[in-house]
Amino acid sequence: MQTLLTDRELLESLADEAELNLRRHVAVADGWQPHDLVPWDDGRNFAFLGGTDWEPGQARLSEVAVVALTVSVLIADNLPSYHRELGKYLRTGPWWRWVGRWTAEENRHEILIRNYLMVTRSVDPVELERARMSHMTLGFGREPLHLLDVLAVNAFEEAASALRHRNTAALNENPLVTAIAERIAADDALQSEFFASMVAAAFELAPDQTMRAVADRVAGFSVPKVELPDGRSSDTMLAEAGIYDPAVEDEQVFAPLLRRWNVFGRTDLGPEGEAARTELERLRAFAS
């Protein structure tokens, strides 16, 4: 029978691996600058400063691109909530330094997208601000999780975000939107890599506990969604546009990570881990 490790024991045992992966992340991450991708010459004052307020005819993006970018900015703008959720589990040593790095990268995404939308007048700034205030007021929260659950769910969530932004880039809306989405997708993929590497290390340390966490997080997985200013939900529209469709989550989000962790080929599981793996197999069979 495998020894059940506490979160504190896991944090301490995986601290060196966290340090190595943080250093690797910083070494390979692209230090791009958000201001470089904003067409500042397109900007002009709104009526408050003597200019012209927004009107629908000023928008130059397709509805799908507007929704995709609105979802991205609202999710990223809720960063304080995500920061608290992650930080309360990882507030120590290299883990806490990772939280700081991850937070800074996510904030860069929000700064870039919101500046682009405002300068190009691609969305109604009043409605976006109302949506932002509503989204932030509702906040974000999830049930209490153990460390391994946190690592697994963030590996999945960042992989899903990378997929969403790659598909946004593939719209070929215009060169800047494509470049913005590609930059963010690359960041998302690297962030997923950090969490996935930590899950891989956890499998070597506590395979049963890690399998249980992975199975539970697949079962409870859902991507963040927002209510749009017109009352629709973002998930329906983005699925119809091929930006992100939950119907392909198993193939495009879960399967690559499950293969990486050799979930279905592991021979180091005890009864608890085998039971979790069986549940995971049933979940995937049902989803397909």
Protein backbone atom coordinates (compact mmCIF):
# COMPACT_ATOMS: atom_id res chain seq x y z
CA MET A 1 0.00 0.00 0.00
CA GLN A 2 1.33 3.45 -0.94
CA THR A 3 1.93 6.00 1.79
CA LEU A 4 -0.63 8.82 1.67
CA LEU A 5 1.25 12.12 1.53
CA THR A 6 -0.16 15.36 2.90
CA ASP A 7 -0.18 18.53 0.83
CA ARG A 8 2.65 19.93 2.94
CA GLU A 9 4.73 16.81 2.35
CA LEU A 10 4.02 16.98 -1.36
CA LEU A 11 4.93 20.66 -1.52
CA GLU A 12 8.24 19.97 0.18
CA SER A 13 9.01 16.83 -1.82
CA LEU A 14 8.27 18.52 -5.15
CA ALA A 15 9.92 21.86 -4.33
CA ASP A 16 13.15 21.11 -6.21
CA GLU A 17 11.15 20.05 -9.26
CA ALA A 18 9.14 23.27 -9.05
CA GLU A 19 12.37 25.29 -8.95
CA LEU A 20 13.78 23.46 -12.00
CA ASN A 21 10.58 23.95 -13.99
CA LEU A 22 10.31 27.60 -13.02
CA ARG A 23 13.86 28.21 -14.24
CA ARG A 24 13.18 26.31 -17.45
CA HIS A 25 10.01 28.33 -18.02
CA VAL A 26 11.77 31.66 -17.55
CA ALA A 27 14.63 30.58 -19.82
CA VAL A 28 12.40 29.64 -22.76
CA ALA A 29 9.55 32.13 -22.34
CA ASP A 30 9.37 34.89 -24.94
CA GLY A 31 9.73 38.27 -23.24
CA TRP A 32 7.39 39.98 -25.67
CA GLN A 33 5.99 43.43 -24.92
CA PRO A 34 2.23 44.08 -24.96
CA HIS A 35 2.56 47.67 -26.17
CA ASP A 36 4.23 46.48 -29.38
CA LEU A 37 1.02 44.85 -30.62
CA VAL A 38 -1.35 47.79 -30.09
CA PRO A 39 -1.90 50.13 -33.10
CA TRP A 40 -1.72 53.33 -31.08
CA ASP A 41 -2.06 55.54 -34.20
CA ASP A 42 -5.63 54.24 -34.55
CA GLY A 43 -6.61 55.68 -31.17
CA ARG A 44 -8.57 58.86 -30.51
CA ASN A 45 -10.33 60.48 -27.58
CA PHE A 46 -13.84 59.64 -26.46
CA ALA A 47 -16.43 62.37 -25.82
CA PHE A 48 -15.34 62.92 -22.22
CA LEU A 49 -12.10 64.42 -23.55
CA GLY A 50 -13.68 66.17 -26.51
CA GLY A 51 -13.66 63.29 -28.97
CA THR A 52 -16.35 60.95 -30.24
CA ASP A 53 -17.98 58.16 -28.30
CA TRP A 54 -18.22 54.62 -29.63
CA GLU A 55 -20.88 53.59 -32.10
CA PRO A 56 -21.41 50.20 -33.80
CA GLY A 57 -20.21 51.41 -37.18
CA GLN A 58 -16.70 51.87 -35.79
CA ALA A 59 -16.20 48.15 -35.14
CA ARG A 60 -14.04 46.39 -37.72
CA LEU A 61 -13.90 42.87 -36.35
CA SER A 62 -16.22 39.96 -37.02
CA GLU A 63 -18.68 39.01 -34.29
CA VAL A 64 -16.79 35.77 -33.61
CA ALA A 65 -13.48 37.59 -33.14
CA VAL A 66 -15.12 40.14 -30.86
CA VAL A 67 -16.62 37.41 -28.68
CA ALA A 68 -13.36 35.43 -28.56
CA LEU A 69 -11.36 38.49 -27.48
CA THR A 70 -14.06 39.64 -25.05
CA VAL A 71 -14.00 36.26 -23.34
CA SER A 72 -10.22 36.42 -23.12
CA VAL A 73 -10.15 39.88 -21.61
CA LEU A 74 -12.88 39.14 -19.07
CA ILE A 75 -11.26 35.91 -17.93
CA ALA A 76 -7.85 37.56 -17.67
CA ASP A 77 -9.32 40.60 -15.96
CA ASN A 78 -10.59 38.34 -13.16
CA LEU A 79 -6.94 37.62 -12.40
CA PRO A 80 -7.07 38.63 -8.70
CA SER A 81 -9.51 35.80 -8.04
CA TYR A 82 -7.38 33.25 -9.90
CA HIS A 83 -4.27 34.55 -8.14
CA ARG A 84 -5.85 34.03 -4.73
CA GLU A 85 -7.08 30.55 -5.66
CA LEU A 86 -3.63 29.45 -6.81
CA GLY A 87 -1.65 31.36 -4.19
CA LYS A 88 -3.46 29.92 -1.20
CA TYR A 89 -2.12 26.48 -2.15
CA LEU A 90 1.35 27.46 -3.35
CA ARG A 91 2.42 30.20 -0.96
CA THR A 92 5.94 28.89 -0.31
CA GLY A 93 9.41 29.00 -1.87
CA PRO A 94 9.68 28.27 -5.59
CA TRP A 95 5.95 27.58 -5.74
CA TRP A 96 5.18 31.15 -4.69
CA ARG A 97 7.70 32.53 -7.19
CA TRP A 98 5.87 30.57 -9.87
CA VAL A 99 2.55 32.10 -8.81
CA GLY A 100 4.11 35.55 -9.23
CA ARG A 101 5.46 34.72 -12.66
CA TRP A 102 2.18 33.16 -13.81
CA THR A 103 0.21 36.16 -12.53
CA ALA A 104 2.45 38.63 -14.36
CA GLU A 105 2.06 36.72 -17.62
CA GLU A 106 -1.72 36.54 -17.30
CA ASN A 107 -1.89 40.26 -16.54
CA ARG A 108 0.12 40.95 -19.69
CA HIS A 109 -2.57 39.16 -21.70
CA GLU A 110 -5.34 41.32 -20.22
CA ILE A 111 -3.40 44.55 -20.78
CA LEU A 112 -2.75 43.73 -24.42
CA ILE A 113 -6.25 42.60 -25.38
CA ARG A 114 -8.07 45.40 -23.60
CA ASN A 115 -5.76 48.06 -25.05
CA TYR A 116 -6.24 46.61 -28.53
CA LEU A 117 -10.02 46.55 -28.19
CA MET A 118 -10.14 50.13 -26.91
CA VAL A 119 -7.72 51.66 -29.40
CA THR A 120 -9.35 49.99 -32.38
CA ARG A 121 -12.87 50.60 -31.02
CA SER A 122 -13.68 46.96 -31.72
CA VAL A 123 -16.19 46.75 -28.87
CA ASP A 124 -18.51 49.06 -27.00
CA PRO A 125 -16.25 50.24 -24.15
CA VAL A 126 -19.22 50.96 -21.85
CA GLU A 127 -20.66 47.46 -22.28
CA LEU A 128 -17.24 45.89 -21.84
CA GLU A 129 -16.71 47.80 -18.62
CA ARG A 130 -20.14 46.79 -17.33
CA ALA A 131 -19.38 43.17 -18.19
CA ARG A 132 -15.99 43.47 -16.47
CA MET A 133 -17.54 44.89 -13.31
CA SER A 134 -20.20 42.17 -13.26
CA HIS A 135 -17.67 39.41 -13.87
CA MET A 136 -15.34 40.70 -11.16
CA THR A 137 -18.18 41.17 -8.69
CA LEU A 138 -19.34 37.60 -9.14
CA GLY A 139 -15.73 36.52 -8.82
CA PHE A 140 -14.31 33.07 -9.22
CA GLY A 141 -14.18 30.16 -6.88
CA ARG A 142 -13.98 26.41 -6.83
CA GLU A 143 -14.37 23.75 -4.23
CA PRO A 144 -11.42 23.20 -1.88
CA LEU A 145 -8.75 21.22 -3.70
CA HIS A 146 -5.64 19.36 -2.69
CA LEU A 147 -2.28 20.21 -4.24
CA LEU A 148 -2.37 17.46 -6.87
CA ASP A 149 -5.85 18.55 -7.96
CA VAL A 150 -4.58 22.12 -8.36
CA LEU A 151 -1.69 21.00 -10.54
CA ALA A 152 -3.86 18.75 -12.71
CA VAL A 153 -6.70 21.23 -13.25
CA ASN A 154 -4.30 24.03 -14.18
CA ALA A 155 -2.50 21.78 -16.66
CA PHE A 156 -5.86 21.11 -18.31
CA GLU A 157 -7.10 24.71 -18.12
CA GLU A 158 -3.97 26.20 -19.67
CA ALA A 159 -4.00 23.57 -22.41
CA ALA A 160 -7.61 24.50 -23.14
CA SER A 161 -6.74 28.18 -23.19
CA ALA A 162 -3.88 27.55 -25.62
CA LEU A 163 -6.31 25.68 -27.89
CA ARG A 164 -8.84 28.52 -27.74
CA HIS A 165 -6.24 31.13 -28.66
CA ARG A 166 -4.72 29.02 -31.45
CA ASN A 167 -8.17 28.70 -32.97
CA THR A 168 -8.71 32.44 -32.59
CA ALA A 169 -5.47 33.01 -34.48
CA ALA A 170 -6.66 30.61 -37.18
CA LEU A 171 -9.61 32.90 -37.92
CA ASN A 172 -7.13 35.13 -39.79
CA GLU A 173 -9.21 38.11 -38.73
CA ASN A 174 -6.33 40.49 -39.36
CA PRO A 175 -2.55 40.29 -38.87
CA LEU A 176 -2.63 41.93 -35.42
CA VAL A 177 -5.40 39.75 -33.99
CA THR A 178 -3.57 36.71 -35.32
CA ALA A 179 -0.28 37.85 -33.74
CA ILE A 180 -1.97 38.63 -30.41
CA ALA A 181 -3.71 35.26 -30.24
CA GLU A 182 -0.53 33.41 -31.23
CA ARG A 183 1.51 35.16 -28.54
CA ILE A 184 -1.03 34.36 -25.85
CA ALA A 185 -1.39 30.75 -27.05
CA ALA A 186 2.36 30.29 -26.75
CA ASP A 187 2.29 31.60 -23.17
CA ASP A 188 -0.65 29.33 -22.33
CA ALA A 189 1.18 26.30 -23.71
CA LEU A 190 4.27 27.04 -21.63
CA GLN A 191 2.17 27.53 -18.51
CA SER A 192 0.45 24.20 -19.15
CA GLU A 193 3.91 22.67 -19.56
CA PHE A 194 4.91 23.79 -16.06
CA PHE A 195 1.84 22.26 -14.45
CA ALA A 196 2.05 19.11 -16.59
CA SER A 197 5.69 18.62 -15.61
CA MET A 198 4.75 18.88 -11.96
CA VAL A 199 1.98 16.30 -12.42
CA ALA A 200 4.50 13.98 -14.11
CA ALA A 201 6.84 14.35 -11.14
CA ALA A 202 3.95 13.74 -8.75
CA PHE A 203 3.11 10.49 -10.55
CA GLU A 204 6.62 9.24 -9.77
CA LEU A 205 6.25 10.23 -6.12
CA ALA A 206 2.64 9.30 -5.36
CA PRO A 207 1.06 7.49 -8.32
CA ASP A 208 -2.21 6.53 -6.63
CA GLN A 209 -2.89 10.01 -5.28
CA THR A 210 -1.98 11.61 -8.58
CA MET A 211 -4.19 9.26 -10.59
CA ARG A 212 -7.06 10.07 -8.24
CA ALA A 213 -6.51 13.80 -8.79
CA VAL A 214 -6.33 13.46 -12.57
CA ALA A 215 -9.50 11.37 -12.73
CA ASP A 216 -11.38 13.82 -10.50
CA ARG A 217 -10.25 16.86 -12.48
CA VAL A 218 -11.25 15.33 -15.80
CA ALA A 219 -14.66 14.49 -14.31
CA GLY A 220 -15.18 18.02 -13.02
CA PHE A 221 -13.58 19.96 -15.86
CA SER A 222 -15.24 22.98 -17.42
CA VAL A 223 -13.73 25.99 -19.13
CA PRO A 224 -14.51 29.47 -17.83
CA LYS A 225 -17.42 31.10 -19.62
CA VAL A 226 -18.92 34.54 -19.48
CA GLU A 227 -22.33 36.03 -20.14
CA LEU A 228 -22.02 38.40 -23.05
CA PRO A 229 -23.55 41.89 -23.06
CA ASP A 230 -26.36 40.71 -25.33
CA GLY A 231 -27.34 37.96 -22.89
CA ARG A 232 -25.83 35.01 -24.74
CA SER A 233 -23.29 32.66 -23.22
CA SER A 234 -19.82 32.65 -24.72
CA ASP A 235 -19.42 28.88 -24.71
CA THR A 236 -22.24 28.27 -27.18
CA MET A 237 -21.03 30.85 -29.68
CA LEU A 238 -17.38 29.81 -29.48
CA ALA A 239 -18.32 26.16 -29.97
CA GLU A 240 -20.37 27.00 -33.06
CA ALA A 241 -17.44 28.99 -34.47
CA GLY A 242 -14.93 26.21 -33.82
CA ILE A 243 -12.95 28.31 -31.36
CA TYR A 244 -13.58 25.98 -28.43
CA ASP A 245 -15.95 23.05 -28.43
CA PRO A 246 -16.34 20.89 -25.29
CA ALA A 247 -17.20 17.99 -27.61
CA VAL A 248 -13.51 17.72 -28.59
CA GLU A 249 -12.04 18.27 -25.12
CA ASP A 250 -11.13 14.64 -24.69
CA GLU A 251 -9.21 14.50 -27.95
CA GLN A 252 -7.57 17.92 -27.90
CA VAL A 253 -7.16 18.76 -24.20
CA PHE A 254 -7.13 15.59 -22.10
CA ALA A 255 -5.63 12.96 -24.41
CA PRO A 256 -2.25 14.66 -25.05
CA LEU A 257 -1.64 15.10 -21.32
CA LEU A 258 -2.88 11.63 -20.40
CA ARG A 259 -0.49 10.16 -22.96
CA ARG A 260 2.36 12.23 -21.61
CA TRP A 261 1.73 10.92 -18.09
CA ASN A 262 1.39 7.36 -19.43
CA VAL A 263 -1.88 7.16 -17.54
CA PHE A 264 -3.10 3.97 -19.24
CA GLY A 265 0.27 2.25 -19.36
CA ARG A 266 1.42 2.68 -15.78
CA THR A 267 2.33 -0.41 -13.78
CA ASP A 268 3.02 1.29 -10.45
CA LEU A 269 -0.57 1.72 -9.26
CA GLY A 270 -2.09 0.26 -6.13
CA PRO A 271 -5.80 -0.57 -5.69
CA GLU A 272 -6.79 3.08 -5.18
CA GLY A 273 -4.96 4.20 -8.29
CA GLU A 274 -6.37 1.36 -10.37
CA ALA A 275 -9.88 2.31 -9.25
CA ALA A 276 -9.29 5.94 -10.26
CA ARG A 277 -7.91 4.86 -13.64
CA THR A 278 -10.97 2.68 -14.24
CA GLU A 279 -13.22 5.66 -13.50
CA LEU A 280 -11.22 7.75 -15.94
CA GLU A 281 -11.55 5.13 -18.66
CA ARG A 282 -15.31 5.06 -18.15
CA LEU A 283 -15.53 8.84 -18.27
CA ARG A 284 -13.65 9.00 -21.56
CA ALA A 285 -15.68 6.18 -23.06
CA PHE A 286 -18.89 8.00 -22.09
CA ALA A 287 -17.60 11.31 -23.51
CA SER A 288 -16.78 9.71 -26.85
